[in-house]
Amino acid sequence: MSQGNASLVQANSTTPLQFSFHYHLIFKIFSATIMVIIIIAALLGKLLVLYAFFSYHRLRNSVTNYYIASLAFSDLLTAALVVPIELDIFIKDFVWTHGEVVCRMWSTLYLLVIPGSIINLCAVTLDRFIVLRVPLRYTELMTPKRAMVAIILLWSYALITACLPVLGWRSKEFPYFVITYLNGLNCVFVLTKGYVILINIANFLIPMIFMAICWSLIYQIARKHQRRVKKLARSMSVNETTMTLTMTNGANGGTSMSDGQQTKKSIKKHLKGSKYIAIIVGLFFLCWLPYTLLSLAVSICGDVCFDGTPQEVSHILLVMGYLNSALNPYLYPFHDRQFKEAFKNIFYDIQSLKIWEIFRRRDST
């Protein structure tokens, strides 16, 4: 996922260090507008998700929401730090004006946030598999404390793989970050072919295969649960008739009826949650898969693919990937009723908040 971004190029290519791209003005205006919209929508959405998660205790009772919050943090970093600089150099025809330190930081962040999102989606997928596979043991196996430990380990892995080029796994022929060309300075982080292939396979293709297997198993389990719900519905309708007859004789037959309703409600809740998580995972791969396949193809075939790929195509596929960061937060209310209630409360507080109340709160603190 590093090929195609002008700052991250392959070491064994003879041409990609010539960054003097000049896009058509209409294409540049349209693309820049889309990127600005992505930045604003992603920042507002991710801040809303994180504020709701940390402000509403009920959201922290669900282990799944810990992974959702971690995913939101990854997308927030993308929208706040990666995309704005991408927009800046895109407008300036890839001329770099921020110095070598910022160049290193930006390149490392770029290699961190996308794998960070993918491994968090893997964690969410595994969480959904466990909740449907062993629902009675789920609360025992998946606790908030264990979720926090898993998130720390996942981010540690993403940070290590992102820092490998900084630690030395990069081209020895071009050991610099900011290079001077005719069109000015360029932020160039020259990666080796081995590293590019490794991160594309280890941080995208393998997680994609893992999630595809998990979701196929989840689908099979969901089908079984749906059949179980239908059986419960039929048995409950029979129980209603039986309970009516027994109540006329003074007996109490409501306990089994209540248990059946509770089980049916729990199964439906888990199925609905899994369906919307599947939509979030599918949307991520729909946005990032084209760009990743292009990156992997360019890494393998080198100059032929690099020179043969129009820069407009590469940029459009990259923007498609960034678009995912803006779309996710607006799907969460459909995934979780508590998220929907939290968002409603936040919007209600914003609408009812008055300026003099803000100053009154400041004076009282």
Protein backbone atom coordinates (compact mmCIF):
# COMPACT_ATOMS: atom_id res chain seq x y z
CA MET A 1 0.00 0.00 0.00
CA SER A 2 2.90 2.28 -0.45
CA GLN A 3 3.23 2.41 -4.18
CA GLY A 4 1.40 5.22 -5.90
CA ASN A 5 1.92 7.81 -3.21
CA ALA A 6 4.55 10.10 -4.67
CA SER A 7 6.56 10.19 -1.48
CA LEU A 8 6.90 6.41 -1.21
CA VAL A 9 8.71 4.85 -4.12
CA GLN A 10 10.49 1.65 -4.94
CA ALA A 11 14.25 1.55 -4.82
CA ASN A 12 14.96 -0.60 -7.86
CA SER A 13 13.06 1.64 -10.27
CA THR A 14 15.01 4.02 -12.47
CA THR A 15 12.22 6.53 -13.13
CA PRO A 16 9.97 7.10 -10.11
CA LEU A 17 12.26 9.70 -8.59
CA GLN A 18 11.20 12.24 -11.23
CA PHE A 19 8.23 13.88 -9.51
CA SER A 20 7.26 16.64 -11.89
CA PHE A 21 3.59 15.88 -12.33
CA HIS A 22 1.27 18.59 -13.61
CA TYR A 23 -2.39 17.62 -13.45
CA HIS A 24 -5.05 19.29 -15.52
CA LEU A 25 -6.52 22.27 -13.67
CA ILE A 26 -10.09 20.92 -13.69
CA PHE A 27 -8.90 17.55 -12.37
CA LYS A 28 -6.87 19.28 -9.68
CA ILE A 29 -9.79 21.45 -8.51
CA PHE A 30 -12.22 18.54 -8.48
CA SER A 31 -9.82 16.20 -6.66
CA ALA A 32 -8.78 18.85 -4.13
CA THR A 33 -12.44 19.58 -3.37
CA ILE A 34 -13.14 15.90 -2.75
CA MET A 35 -10.12 15.65 -0.45
CA VAL A 36 -11.24 18.70 1.57
CA ILE A 37 -14.70 17.15 1.97
CA ILE A 38 -13.10 13.88 3.08
CA ILE A 39 -10.96 15.67 5.67
CA ILE A 40 -13.89 17.62 7.14
CA ALA A 41 -16.34 14.69 7.15
CA ALA A 42 -13.77 12.29 8.62
CA LEU A 43 -12.63 14.69 11.35
CA LEU A 44 -16.18 15.51 12.45
CA GLY A 45 -17.30 11.88 12.31
CA LYS A 46 -14.29 10.37 14.10
CA LEU A 47 -14.26 13.03 16.83
CA LEU A 48 -17.97 12.35 17.35
CA VAL A 49 -17.38 8.59 17.64
CA LEU A 50 -14.47 8.96 20.07
CA TYR A 51 -16.29 11.57 22.18
CA ALA A 52 -19.35 9.30 22.40
CA PHE A 53 -17.20 6.29 23.34
CA PHE A 54 -15.35 8.06 26.15
CA SER A 55 -18.35 10.06 27.41
CA TYR A 56 -21.03 7.35 27.50
CA HIS A 57 -20.29 4.47 29.83
CA ARG A 58 -22.76 2.10 28.18
CA LEU A 59 -20.75 2.17 24.95
CA ARG A 60 -17.72 0.93 26.87
CA ASN A 61 -19.66 -2.10 28.09
CA SER A 62 -19.41 -3.60 24.60
CA VAL A 63 -16.03 -5.12 23.69
CA THR A 64 -16.75 -4.55 19.99
CA ASN A 65 -16.91 -0.80 20.58
CA TYR A 66 -13.32 -0.79 21.86
CA TYR A 67 -12.17 -1.98 18.44
CA ILE A 68 -14.52 0.50 16.78
CA ALA A 69 -12.93 3.31 18.84
CA SER A 70 -9.44 2.09 17.90
CA LEU A 71 -10.46 2.04 14.23
CA ALA A 72 -11.86 5.57 14.61
CA PHE A 73 -8.54 6.71 16.10
CA SER A 74 -6.68 5.29 13.09
CA ASP A 75 -9.02 7.08 10.68
CA LEU A 76 -8.69 10.27 12.72
CA LEU A 77 -4.90 10.18 12.27
CA THR A 78 -5.44 9.65 8.55
CA ALA A 79 -7.81 12.63 8.24
CA ALA A 80 -5.87 14.95 10.54
CA LEU A 81 -2.26 14.28 9.54
CA VAL A 82 -1.93 12.19 6.38
CA VAL A 83 -4.58 13.49 3.97
CA PRO A 84 -3.97 17.25 4.59
CA ILE A 85 -0.28 16.91 3.68
CA GLU A 86 -1.22 14.74 0.69
CA LEU A 87 -3.55 17.55 -0.38
CA ASP A 88 -0.84 20.14 0.12
CA ILE A 89 1.72 18.44 -2.11
CA PHE A 90 -0.98 17.53 -4.65
CA ILE A 91 -1.88 21.21 -5.06
CA LYS A 92 1.80 22.18 -5.26
CA ASP A 93 2.62 19.53 -7.90
CA PHE A 94 4.50 17.47 -5.27
CA VAL A 95 6.84 20.28 -4.25
CA TRP A 96 7.78 19.74 -0.58
CA THR A 97 7.97 22.76 1.73
CA HIS A 98 7.91 21.24 5.22
CA GLY A 99 11.45 20.04 5.87
CA GLU A 100 13.00 16.62 6.30
CA VAL A 101 11.68 15.88 9.82
CA VAL A 102 8.05 16.36 8.77
CA CYS A 103 8.76 14.30 5.64
CA ARG A 104 9.97 11.38 7.77
CA MET A 105 7.05 11.68 10.16
CA TRP A 106 4.47 11.89 7.38
CA SER A 107 5.90 8.90 5.51
CA THR A 108 5.93 6.81 8.69
CA LEU A 109 2.37 7.86 9.59
CA TYR A 110 1.24 6.86 6.12
CA LEU A 111 2.74 3.39 6.65
CA LEU A 112 1.14 3.18 10.11
CA VAL A 113 -2.49 4.27 9.83
CA ILE A 114 -3.71 2.07 6.96
CA PRO A 115 -2.34 -1.20 8.42
CA GLY A 116 -3.67 0.04 11.76
CA SER A 117 -7.16 0.18 10.30
CA ILE A 118 -6.86 -3.25 8.71
CA ILE A 119 -5.69 -5.09 11.83
CA ASN A 120 -8.44 -3.41 13.88
CA LEU A 121 -10.96 -4.69 11.33
CA CYS A 122 -9.44 -8.15 11.80
CA ALA A 123 -10.00 -7.80 15.54
CA VAL A 124 -13.62 -6.73 15.02
CA THR A 125 -14.16 -9.68 12.67
CA LEU A 126 -12.72 -12.15 15.19
CA ASP A 127 -14.90 -10.58 17.89
CA ARG A 128 -18.03 -11.09 15.75
CA PHE A 129 -17.03 -14.70 15.05
CA ILE A 130 -16.62 -15.46 18.76
CA VAL A 131 -19.91 -13.81 19.76
CA LEU A 132 -21.82 -15.96 17.25
CA ARG A 133 -19.76 -19.14 17.65
CA VAL A 134 -19.78 -19.31 21.47
CA PRO A 135 -22.38 -16.74 22.62
CA LEU A 136 -22.67 -18.23 26.12
CA ARG A 137 -18.92 -17.89 26.77
CA TYR A 138 -18.45 -14.58 24.97
CA THR A 139 -18.52 -12.36 28.07
CA GLU A 140 -16.04 -14.69 29.72
CA LEU A 141 -13.62 -14.82 26.76
CA MET A 142 -13.88 -11.21 25.55
CA THR A 143 -13.58 -8.66 28.35
CA PRO A 144 -12.81 -4.92 28.00
CA LYS A 145 -9.44 -5.47 29.67
CA ARG A 146 -8.48 -8.16 27.15
CA ALA A 147 -9.68 -5.92 24.33
CA MET A 148 -7.36 -3.15 25.55
CA VAL A 149 -4.40 -5.55 25.65
CA ALA A 150 -5.22 -6.78 22.13
CA ILE A 151 -5.46 -3.21 20.81
CA ILE A 152 -2.08 -2.31 22.35
CA LEU A 153 -0.48 -5.38 20.74
CA LEU A 154 -2.08 -4.65 17.37
CA TRP A 155 -0.87 -1.05 17.35
CA SER A 156 2.61 -2.16 18.48
CA TYR A 157 2.80 -4.47 15.47
CA ALA A 158 1.63 -1.71 13.11
CA LEU A 159 4.16 0.74 14.60
CA ILE A 160 7.06 -1.70 14.23
CA THR A 161 6.29 -2.45 10.57
CA ALA A 162 5.87 1.28 9.84
CA CYS A 163 9.20 2.16 11.46
CA LEU A 164 11.26 -0.49 9.63
CA PRO A 165 12.27 1.94 6.82
CA VAL A 166 13.26 4.59 9.38
CA LEU A 167 15.33 1.99 11.20
CA GLY A 168 17.25 1.14 8.02
CA TRP A 169 15.18 -1.04 5.68
CA ARG A 170 15.27 1.36 2.75
CA SER A 171 17.34 2.02 -0.33
CA LYS A 172 21.07 2.48 0.26
CA GLU A 173 21.36 4.15 -3.13
CA PHE A 174 18.99 6.96 -2.12
CA PRO A 175 19.39 7.26 1.68
CA TYR A 176 17.67 10.64 1.87
CA PHE A 177 14.16 11.92 2.42
CA VAL A 178 14.05 15.37 0.85
CA ILE A 179 15.59 15.54 -2.64
CA THR A 180 16.11 18.59 -4.82
CA TYR A 181 14.79 18.52 -8.38
CA LEU A 182 14.12 21.06 -11.08
CA ASN A 183 10.62 21.69 -9.77
CA GLY A 184 11.84 22.14 -6.16
CA LEU A 185 12.18 19.87 -3.13
CA ASN A 186 10.38 16.51 -3.07
CA CYS A 187 9.61 14.34 -0.03
CA VAL A 188 10.94 10.96 -1.15
CA PHE A 189 10.97 7.89 1.08
CA VAL A 190 12.62 5.25 -1.09
CA LEU A 191 11.47 1.75 -0.13
CA THR A 192 12.96 -1.56 -1.16
CA LYS A 193 11.01 -3.95 -3.34
CA GLY A 194 11.06 -6.55 -0.57
CA TYR A 195 9.54 -4.18 1.98
CA VAL A 196 6.77 -3.01 -0.37
CA ILE A 197 5.80 -6.59 -1.22
CA LEU A 198 5.98 -7.62 2.44
CA ILE A 199 3.67 -4.90 3.77
CA ASN A 200 1.19 -5.41 0.92
CA ILE A 201 1.00 -9.15 1.61
CA ALA A 202 1.34 -9.15 5.42
CA ASN A 203 -0.73 -6.03 6.13
CA PHE A 204 -3.41 -6.35 3.50
CA LEU A 205 -3.70 -9.59 1.52
CA ILE A 206 -3.29 -11.97 4.49
CA PRO A 207 -5.74 -9.98 6.70
CA MET A 208 -8.15 -9.90 3.75
CA ILE A 209 -7.97 -13.69 3.37
CA PHE A 210 -8.35 -14.10 7.14
CA MET A 211 -11.44 -11.91 7.21
CA ALA A 212 -12.91 -13.59 4.14
CA ILE A 213 -12.62 -16.99 5.85
CA CYS A 214 -14.04 -15.64 9.11
CA TRP A 215 -16.99 -13.96 7.41
CA SER A 216 -17.80 -17.11 5.43
CA LEU A 217 -17.90 -19.00 8.74
CA ILE A 218 -19.94 -16.20 10.32
CA TYR A 219 -22.41 -16.43 7.43
CA GLN A 220 -22.85 -20.17 8.01
CA ILE A 221 -23.34 -19.63 11.75
CA ALA A 222 -25.79 -16.79 11.07
CA ARG A 223 -27.87 -19.09 8.83
CA LYS A 224 -28.06 -21.64 11.67
CA HIS A 225 -29.06 -18.90 14.13
CA GLN A 226 -31.77 -17.67 11.78
CA ARG A 227 -33.23 -21.19 11.59
CA ARG A 228 -33.05 -21.34 15.36
CA VAL A 229 -34.94 -18.05 15.66
CA LYS A 230 -37.70 -19.41 13.42
CA LYS A 231 -37.97 -22.54 15.54
CA LEU A 232 -38.12 -20.42 18.69
CA ALA A 233 -40.85 -18.27 17.14
CA ARG A 234 -42.90 -21.37 16.32
CA SER A 235 -42.38 -22.91 19.75
CA MET A 236 -43.25 -19.60 21.42
CA SER A 237 -46.53 -19.40 19.51
CA VAL A 238 -47.35 -22.92 20.75
CA ASN A 239 -46.31 -21.93 24.28
CA GLU A 240 -48.62 -18.93 24.16
CA THR A 241 -51.59 -21.24 23.55
CA THR A 242 -50.42 -23.64 26.24
CA MET A 243 -49.80 -20.82 28.71
CA THR A 244 -53.30 -19.46 28.14
CA LEU A 245 -54.80 -22.85 28.98
CA THR A 246 -52.59 -23.40 32.03
CA MET A 247 -53.25 -19.91 33.41
CA THR A 248 -57.00 -20.63 33.39
CA ASN A 249 -56.18 -23.58 35.67
CA GLY A 250 -54.08 -21.37 37.98
CA ALA A 251 -50.61 -22.54 36.87
CA ASN A 252 -47.68 -20.26 36.01
CA GLY A 253 -46.06 -21.07 32.65
CA GLY A 254 -44.38 -17.74 31.95
CA THR A 255 -40.80 -18.69 32.83
CA SER A 256 -40.03 -20.79 29.74
CA MET A 257 -41.83 -18.22 27.59
CA SER A 258 -39.64 -15.42 28.98
CA ASP A 259 -36.45 -17.44 28.43
CA GLY A 260 -37.40 -18.10 24.82
CA GLN A 261 -38.07 -14.42 24.15
CA GLN A 262 -34.75 -13.47 25.76
CA THR A 263 -32.81 -15.99 23.64
CA LYS A 264 -34.57 -14.87 20.46
CA LYS A 265 -33.86 -11.21 21.23
CA SER A 266 -30.16 -11.90 21.96
CA ILE A 267 -29.68 -13.86 18.71
CA LYS A 268 -31.35 -11.14 16.64
CA LYS A 269 -29.17 -8.49 18.28
CA HIS A 270 -25.92 -10.35 17.50
CA LEU A 271 -27.02 -11.05 13.92
CA LYS A 272 -27.87 -7.40 13.30
CA GLY A 273 -24.57 -6.23 14.78
CA SER A 274 -22.62 -8.70 12.66
CA LYS A 275 -24.43 -7.59 9.50
CA TYR A 276 -23.42 -3.95 9.90
CA ILE A 277 -19.86 -4.82 10.90
CA ALA A 278 -19.70 -6.86 7.68
CA ILE A 279 -20.79 -3.75 5.75
CA ILE A 280 -18.01 -1.70 7.40
CA VAL A 281 -15.39 -4.36 6.56
CA GLY A 282 -16.68 -4.72 2.99
CA LEU A 283 -16.64 -0.97 2.48
CA PHE A 284 -13.03 -0.80 3.63
CA PHE A 285 -11.89 -3.39 1.10
CA LEU A 286 -13.98 -1.84 -1.64
CA CYS A 287 -12.16 1.45 -1.04
CA TRP A 288 -8.60 0.16 -0.53
CA LEU A 289 -8.35 -3.04 -2.60
CA PRO A 290 -7.91 -1.32 -6.03
CA TYR A 291 -5.08 0.89 -4.77
CA THR A 292 -3.37 -1.99 -2.98
CA LEU A 293 -3.48 -4.24 -6.05
CA LEU A 294 -2.00 -1.42 -8.11
CA SER A 295 0.72 -0.95 -5.48
CA LEU A 296 1.55 -4.65 -5.48
CA ALA A 297 1.58 -4.82 -9.30
CA VAL A 298 3.94 -1.84 -9.57
CA SER A 299 6.19 -3.35 -6.88
CA ILE A 300 6.51 -6.61 -8.79
CA CYS A 301 6.89 -5.42 -12.39
CA GLY A 302 8.73 -2.13 -11.67
CA ASP A 303 9.22 0.55 -14.35
CA VAL A 304 6.87 -1.00 -16.91
CA CYS A 305 3.84 -0.76 -14.61
CA PHE A 306 4.96 2.53 -13.04
CA ASP A 307 5.37 4.31 -16.38
CA GLY A 308 2.26 2.67 -17.81
CA THR A 309 -0.05 3.78 -14.99
CA PRO A 310 -1.51 7.28 -15.47
CA GLN A 311 -0.88 9.39 -12.38
CA GLU A 312 -4.54 10.43 -12.43
CA VAL A 313 -5.59 6.79 -12.01
CA SER A 314 -3.16 6.25 -9.15
CA HIS A 315 -4.36 9.42 -7.42
CA ILE A 316 -8.06 8.55 -7.84
CA LEU A 317 -7.51 5.10 -6.31
CA LEU A 318 -5.63 6.67 -3.39
CA VAL A 319 -8.45 9.16 -2.79
CA MET A 320 -10.90 6.24 -2.86
CA GLY A 321 -8.94 4.72 0.00
CA TYR A 322 -9.02 7.96 1.98
CA LEU A 323 -12.78 8.17 1.37
CA ASN A 324 -13.26 5.17 3.63
CA SER A 325 -12.16 7.27 6.63
CA ALA A 326 -15.03 9.69 5.98
CA LEU A 327 -17.75 7.06 5.51
CA ASN A 328 -17.27 4.76 8.50
CA PRO A 329 -18.51 6.95 11.37
CA TYR A 330 -21.87 7.52 9.70
CA LEU A 331 -22.47 3.75 9.62
CA TYR A 332 -21.93 3.22 13.35
CA PRO A 333 -25.41 4.39 14.47
CA PHE A 334 -26.89 1.61 12.31
CA HIS A 335 -24.55 -0.94 13.86
CA ASP A 336 -25.34 -0.09 17.48
CA ARG A 337 -28.50 1.36 19.01
CA GLN A 338 -26.45 2.81 21.87
CA PHE A 339 -24.27 4.71 19.39
CA LYS A 340 -27.44 6.12 17.85
CA GLU A 341 -28.71 7.25 21.26
CA ALA A 342 -25.33 8.75 22.14
CA PHE A 343 -25.20 10.70 18.87
CA LYS A 344 -28.74 11.98 19.42
CA ASN A 345 -27.83 13.15 22.92
CA ILE A 346 -24.70 14.89 21.65
CA PHE A 347 -26.59 16.71 18.89
CA TYR A 348 -29.32 17.68 21.34
CA ASP A 349 -26.71 19.10 23.75
CA ILE A 350 -25.10 21.08 20.93
CA GLN A 351 -28.44 22.50 19.78
CA SER A 352 -29.56 23.45 23.28
CA LEU A 353 -26.21 24.90 24.35
CA LYS A 354 -26.32 28.68 24.70
CA ILE A 355 -23.41 31.08 24.72
CA TRP A 356 -24.15 32.49 28.18
CA GLU A 357 -24.28 28.95 29.56
CA ILE A 358 -20.75 28.33 28.25
CA PHE A 359 -19.46 31.44 30.02
CA ARG A 360 -21.41 30.52 33.16
CA ARG A 361 -19.72 27.12 33.20
CA ARG A 362 -16.32 28.73 32.78
CA ASP A 363 -16.99 31.10 35.66
CA SER A 364 -18.11 28.29 37.91
CA THR A 365 -15.03 26.12 37.22
